[in-house]
Amino acid sequence: MTATVRSLGYVVFGANDLEEWRTFAPRVLGMELVEHTATSLRFRMDEFGYRFQVEEGGPEGVHTLGWGVQNGAALDEVVARVEAAGYPVTRHGLGSEHAKARGVKDVASFCDPDGITIELFHTFEEALTPFVSPTGTTFVANRALGLGHVFQMVGDVEKYHALYRDVLGFMLSDYIGPATFYHCNQRHHSMAFIPTPPARPHLQGVGHIMMETTDIDAVGRAIDAMNAHGAEEKATLGKHTNDKMISFYVETPSKTQIEYGTGGVLIEDDATWVPTSYPSAHYWGHEREL
């Protein structure tokens, strides 16, 4: 396997209230609003033109994940593996209207086993001006690491192992109980998933997107901003065992949560990285109301 996914490029949310997103993302998350139409919003967090797109209507929550590959040849190779695995793929085409709308050169899409749209793309468009956070936040996000990570509750974990490991080329980072963590670059994990609890089938789907800042003060400011804004905290400040992230969780206007943290470890050498397992996700904190 030579061509693989390189990073998480963009995330598309469905929303019932664009106006709430218009204030939530800049004030609480420190993202820069760069596009505001009657039906969609776009937000920046680094040198690229956008990372979050929020669309009015449709399914609420994250419904599309954009995963980047190196170039056109890599896209062809990865798409061929996806099709060989039995997933119908739509090739939108080089320079297509959909590619232009996403700010990429070429893009192909398919649905994962639970119906989330996966878009594979190459050559993401950079902005012409520097990113300016309204809260003074600098994010650990760039062309090498992508925007952060995805945590998804899934119906059939074996199908997700086969898709992300065998087809898209992700590598195992570690385990926490029934949760599996995969990486596609030096970020400890870009994709993680866990079986949907049988008693809570409504939780199936993307549970959270992680955003990492460069310092703990940015996390503290975000907690203050969350409280001032009236957003709902879903988990208190805590420290994760596997990636060592110090973070808290806040609910977005689309109900999907954001993990907002700092201090995540990097996997600098796959040749020496040894996956392990942990009995708990937390050293301390991350308390949730059930």
Protein backbone atom coordinates (compact mmCIF):
# COMPACT_ATOMS: atom_id res chain seq x y z
CA MET A 1 0.00 0.00 0.00
CA THR A 2 1.73 3.15 -1.20
CA ALA A 3 -1.03 5.79 -1.26
CA THR A 4 -2.88 6.51 1.97
CA VAL A 5 -4.91 9.25 3.63
CA ARG A 6 -2.59 11.95 4.95
CA SER A 7 -4.75 14.17 7.16
CA LEU A 8 -8.21 15.39 8.15
CA GLY A 9 -8.83 18.35 5.87
CA TYR A 10 -12.33 19.62 6.61
CA VAL A 11 -15.55 18.78 8.41
CA VAL A 12 -19.08 19.65 7.31
CA PHE A 13 -21.82 20.14 9.91
CA GLY A 14 -25.56 20.29 9.39
CA ALA A 15 -27.29 22.91 11.53
CA ASN A 16 -30.72 24.29 12.31
CA ASP A 17 -29.35 27.61 13.58
CA LEU A 18 -26.63 29.27 11.53
CA GLU A 19 -26.82 32.42 13.61
CA GLU A 20 -25.83 30.55 16.76
CA TRP A 21 -22.84 29.04 14.94
CA ARG A 22 -21.88 32.51 13.66
CA THR A 23 -21.21 33.64 17.22
CA PHE A 24 -20.26 30.33 18.87
CA ALA A 25 -17.27 29.40 16.68
CA PRO A 26 -15.46 32.78 16.93
CA ARG A 27 -16.28 33.59 20.56
CA VAL A 28 -15.88 30.14 22.12
CA LEU A 29 -13.58 28.24 19.74
CA GLY A 30 -11.51 31.17 18.50
CA MET A 31 -12.11 30.38 14.82
CA GLU A 32 -12.25 33.06 12.14
CA LEU A 33 -15.51 33.47 10.22
CA VAL A 34 -14.54 33.81 6.56
CA GLU A 35 -17.77 33.11 4.69
CA HIS A 36 -21.37 33.81 5.62
CA THR A 37 -24.16 33.17 3.12
CA ALA A 38 -27.85 32.64 3.66
CA THR A 39 -27.35 28.87 3.86
CA SER A 40 -23.77 28.22 5.00
CA LEU A 41 -20.82 29.39 7.08
CA ARG A 42 -17.10 28.71 6.85
CA PHE A 43 -14.49 29.04 9.59
CA ARG A 44 -10.68 29.08 9.52
CA MET A 45 -8.17 27.90 12.09
CA ASP A 46 -4.87 27.90 10.15
CA GLU A 47 -3.37 28.74 6.76
CA PHE A 48 -6.08 26.98 4.76
CA GLY A 49 -9.19 28.70 3.43
CA TYR A 50 -11.48 26.93 5.90
CA ARG A 51 -11.67 23.86 8.15
CA PHE A 52 -15.32 23.86 9.31
CA GLN A 53 -18.26 24.29 6.97
CA VAL A 54 -21.71 24.63 8.51
CA GLU A 55 -24.74 24.09 6.27
CA GLU A 56 -28.30 24.99 7.11
CA GLY A 57 -30.72 22.07 7.10
CA GLY A 58 -29.92 18.45 6.35
CA PRO A 59 -28.93 16.04 9.10
CA GLU A 60 -27.88 17.89 12.24
CA GLY A 61 -24.32 17.20 13.35
CA VAL A 62 -21.26 16.16 11.34
CA HIS A 63 -22.36 14.53 8.10
CA THR A 64 -19.21 14.85 5.94
CA LEU A 65 -15.51 14.22 6.63
CA GLY A 66 -12.90 15.44 4.15
CA TRP A 67 -9.73 13.32 4.17
CA GLY A 68 -6.74 14.52 2.14
CA VAL A 69 -4.33 12.45 0.06
CA GLN A 70 -1.03 13.53 -1.50
CA ASN A 71 -1.93 14.04 -5.16
CA GLY A 72 -4.03 12.88 -8.08
CA ALA A 73 -2.26 9.54 -8.45
CA ALA A 74 -2.77 8.85 -4.75
CA LEU A 75 -6.46 9.72 -5.07
CA ASP A 76 -6.83 7.25 -7.95
CA GLU A 77 -5.12 4.50 -5.94
CA VAL A 78 -7.12 5.04 -2.75
CA VAL A 79 -10.40 5.30 -4.66
CA ALA A 80 -9.61 2.02 -6.43
CA ARG A 81 -9.17 0.30 -3.05
CA VAL A 82 -12.42 1.81 -1.77
CA GLU A 83 -14.27 0.49 -4.82
CA ALA A 84 -12.60 -2.91 -4.51
CA ALA A 85 -13.86 -3.05 -0.92
CA GLY A 86 -17.42 -2.74 -2.22
CA TYR A 87 -18.17 0.94 -1.62
CA PRO A 88 -19.84 2.80 -4.51
CA VAL A 89 -17.76 5.94 -5.17
CA THR A 90 -18.75 9.14 -6.93
CA ARG A 91 -15.81 10.69 -8.81
CA HIS A 92 -16.68 14.37 -9.02
CA GLY A 93 -13.72 15.03 -11.28
CA LEU A 94 -10.72 17.33 -11.54
CA GLY A 95 -11.93 20.92 -11.50
CA SER A 96 -15.56 19.87 -11.03
CA GLU A 97 -18.12 22.18 -9.47
CA HIS A 98 -18.08 20.09 -6.30
CA ALA A 99 -14.27 20.28 -6.14
CA LYS A 100 -14.40 24.06 -6.60
CA ALA A 101 -17.06 24.33 -3.90
CA ARG A 102 -14.85 22.40 -1.47
CA GLY A 103 -11.73 24.40 -2.37
CA VAL A 104 -9.80 21.38 -3.69
CA LYS A 105 -8.48 20.23 -7.07
CA ASP A 106 -10.26 16.88 -7.16
CA VAL A 107 -12.60 14.98 -4.86
CA ALA A 108 -14.36 11.64 -4.69
CA SER A 109 -17.08 10.68 -2.21
CA PHE A 110 -18.71 7.60 -0.72
CA CYS A 111 -20.67 6.68 2.40
CA ASP A 112 -19.07 4.88 5.32
CA PRO A 113 -20.85 1.83 6.83
CA ASP A 114 -23.13 4.05 8.94
CA GLY A 115 -23.92 6.63 6.27
CA ILE A 116 -21.41 9.40 7.04
CA THR A 117 -20.15 10.91 3.77
CA ILE A 118 -16.41 10.46 3.25
CA GLU A 119 -14.78 12.82 0.78
CA LEU A 120 -11.29 11.98 -0.47
CA PHE A 121 -9.50 14.95 -2.01
CA HIS A 122 -6.15 16.35 -2.99
CA THR A 123 -4.67 19.87 -3.08
CA PHE A 124 -6.55 21.97 -0.52
CA GLU A 125 -6.63 25.69 -1.21
CA GLU A 126 -4.68 28.02 1.09
CA ALA A 127 -5.91 31.47 2.03
CA LEU A 128 -4.15 34.61 0.81
CA THR A 129 -4.12 36.23 4.24
CA PRO A 130 -2.85 35.01 7.63
CA PHE A 131 -5.30 33.35 10.01
CA VAL A 132 -6.43 35.80 12.68
CA SER A 133 -8.17 34.29 15.70
CA PRO A 134 -10.63 36.65 17.41
CA THR A 135 -9.48 35.21 20.76
CA GLY A 136 -5.75 35.22 20.03
CA THR A 137 -5.62 31.42 19.75
CA THR A 138 -3.01 29.50 17.78
CA PHE A 139 -4.02 25.98 16.79
CA VAL A 140 -1.92 22.87 16.27
CA ALA A 141 -3.27 22.49 12.74
CA ASN A 142 -1.39 22.54 9.44
CA ARG A 143 -0.88 20.67 6.18
CA ALA A 144 1.01 17.84 7.90
CA LEU A 145 -1.22 17.24 10.93
CA GLY A 146 -4.61 18.26 9.57
CA LEU A 147 -7.23 20.03 11.64
CA GLY A 148 -7.57 17.56 14.53
CA HIS A 149 -9.29 14.24 15.08
CA VAL A 150 -12.67 12.54 14.77
CA PHE A 151 -14.29 10.31 17.38
CA GLN A 152 -17.19 8.25 16.05
CA MET A 153 -19.66 5.80 17.59
CA VAL A 154 -20.21 3.04 15.04
CA GLY A 155 -22.51 0.12 14.39
CA ASP A 156 -19.97 -2.52 13.28
CA VAL A 157 -16.40 -1.96 14.44
CA GLU A 158 -14.97 -4.65 12.15
CA LYS A 159 -16.22 -2.76 9.10
CA TYR A 160 -14.48 0.37 10.38
CA HIS A 161 -11.22 -1.47 11.02
CA ALA A 162 -11.34 -2.78 7.48
CA LEU A 163 -12.15 0.65 6.03
CA TYR A 164 -9.70 2.82 7.91
CA ARG A 165 -6.84 0.34 8.33
CA ASP A 166 -6.98 -1.83 5.23
CA VAL A 167 -8.46 0.56 2.68
CA LEU A 168 -7.51 4.10 3.72
CA GLY A 169 -4.15 3.09 5.22
CA PHE A 170 -4.42 4.35 8.80
CA MET A 171 -2.06 2.88 11.41
CA LEU A 172 -2.91 1.68 14.90
CA SER A 173 -2.06 4.03 17.76
CA ASP A 174 -3.58 2.23 20.76
CA TYR A 175 -6.73 1.10 22.53
CA ILE A 176 -8.80 2.30 25.47
CA GLY A 177 -11.23 -0.45 26.40
CA PRO A 178 -13.40 -1.06 23.32
CA ALA A 179 -12.23 2.15 21.60
CA THR A 180 -9.59 2.00 18.84
CA PHE A 181 -7.35 4.92 17.89
CA TYR A 182 -5.71 5.26 14.46
CA HIS A 183 -3.24 7.76 13.02
CA CYS A 184 -2.41 8.84 9.48
CA ASN A 185 0.35 11.35 10.33
CA GLN A 186 2.30 12.30 13.46
CA ARG A 187 -0.79 13.41 15.38
CA HIS A 188 -1.46 10.66 17.94
CA HIS A 189 -4.80 9.88 16.31
CA SER A 190 -6.87 11.40 13.55
CA MET A 191 -9.64 8.79 13.74
CA ALA A 192 -11.07 6.88 16.69
CA PHE A 193 -14.19 4.80 17.03
CA ILE A 194 -16.11 2.75 19.57
CA PRO A 195 -19.19 0.52 19.31
CA THR A 196 -22.43 2.42 19.77
CA PRO A 197 -23.92 1.45 23.16
CA PRO A 198 -26.89 -0.88 22.45
CA ALA A 199 -29.03 1.01 24.95
CA ARG A 200 -28.22 4.36 23.30
CA PRO A 201 -28.52 3.89 19.54
CA HIS A 202 -29.24 7.59 19.06
CA LEU A 203 -25.57 8.32 19.83
CA GLN A 204 -24.36 6.61 16.66
CA GLY A 205 -22.39 9.00 14.48
CA VAL A 206 -19.59 11.51 15.03
CA GLY A 207 -19.44 12.20 18.75
CA HIS A 208 -16.77 14.87 18.71
CA ILE A 209 -14.14 16.73 16.73
CA MET A 210 -10.90 17.58 18.51
CA MET A 211 -9.21 20.98 18.18
CA GLU A 212 -5.75 21.45 19.71
CA THR A 213 -4.25 24.77 20.80
CA THR A 214 -0.62 25.57 21.48
CA ASP A 215 -1.02 26.50 25.17
CA ILE A 216 -3.15 25.85 28.23
CA ASP A 217 -4.11 29.52 28.55
CA ALA A 218 -6.06 29.28 25.29
CA VAL A 219 -7.96 26.35 26.78
CA GLY A 220 -8.71 28.37 29.90
CA ARG A 221 -9.92 31.32 27.85
CA ALA A 222 -12.19 28.99 25.88
CA ILE A 223 -13.71 27.66 29.12
CA ASP A 224 -14.41 31.24 30.24
CA ALA A 225 -15.88 32.06 26.82
CA MET A 226 -18.05 28.92 26.89
CA ASN A 227 -19.50 29.97 30.23
CA ALA A 228 -20.02 33.57 29.14
CA HIS A 229 -21.67 32.44 25.90
CA GLY A 230 -23.96 29.98 27.66
CA ALA A 231 -22.74 26.96 25.69
CA GLU A 232 -23.13 23.59 27.39
CA GLU A 233 -20.04 21.95 28.85
CA LYS A 234 -20.20 18.19 28.22
CA ALA A 235 -17.04 17.16 30.10
CA THR A 236 -14.91 19.09 32.58
CA LEU A 237 -11.22 19.82 32.17
CA GLY A 238 -9.23 16.59 32.32
CA LYS A 239 -6.21 14.73 30.95
CA HIS A 240 -6.41 11.78 28.56
CA THR A 241 -4.27 8.73 29.09
CA ASN A 242 -3.32 7.83 25.53
CA ASP A 243 -2.53 11.14 23.79
CA LYS A 244 -1.92 13.08 27.06
CA MET A 245 -4.27 15.86 25.91
CA ILE A 246 -5.51 18.27 28.59
CA SER A 247 -8.96 19.22 27.37
CA PHE A 248 -12.62 19.89 27.99
CA TYR A 249 -15.70 19.16 25.86
CA VAL A 250 -18.34 21.63 24.73
CA GLU A 251 -21.52 21.08 22.73
CA THR A 252 -21.80 22.91 19.39
CA PRO A 253 -25.05 24.37 18.03
CA SER A 254 -25.20 21.20 15.87
CA LYS A 255 -25.06 19.00 19.03
CA THR A 256 -21.78 17.37 17.97
CA GLN A 257 -19.19 18.04 20.66
CA ILE A 258 -15.81 19.74 20.36
CA GLU A 259 -12.91 18.45 22.41
CA TYR A 260 -10.76 21.54 23.00
CA GLY A 261 -7.32 20.90 24.39
CA THR A 262 -3.55 21.20 24.37
CA GLY A 263 -0.46 19.07 24.84
CA GLY A 264 -1.19 16.09 22.60
CA VAL A 265 1.74 13.76 21.96
CA LEU A 266 3.11 13.03 18.50
CA ILE A 267 4.01 9.68 16.98
CA GLU A 268 7.31 10.72 15.45
CA ASP A 269 8.52 7.32 14.21
CA ASP A 270 6.18 4.50 13.25
CA ALA A 271 9.13 2.09 13.22
CA THR A 272 9.56 2.47 16.97
CA TRP A 273 5.96 3.19 18.05
CA VAL A 274 4.44 0.29 20.00
CA PRO A 275 0.63 0.36 20.42
CA THR A 276 -0.63 -0.27 23.92
CA SER A 277 -3.93 -0.24 25.82
CA TYR A 278 -5.33 1.70 28.76
CA PRO A 279 -8.02 0.75 31.27
CA SER A 280 -9.39 4.31 31.33
CA ALA A 281 -9.51 7.30 29.00
CA HIS A 282 -8.61 9.76 31.76
CA TYR A 283 -5.87 10.30 34.34
CA TRP A 284 -8.13 12.85 35.98
CA GLY A 285 -11.14 15.04 35.23
CA HIS A 286 -13.40 14.83 32.16
CA GLU A 287 -16.38 14.41 34.43
CA ARG A 288 -19.68 14.09 32.59
CA GLU A 289 -23.31 14.27 33.60
CA LEU A 290 -25.07 11.08 32.53
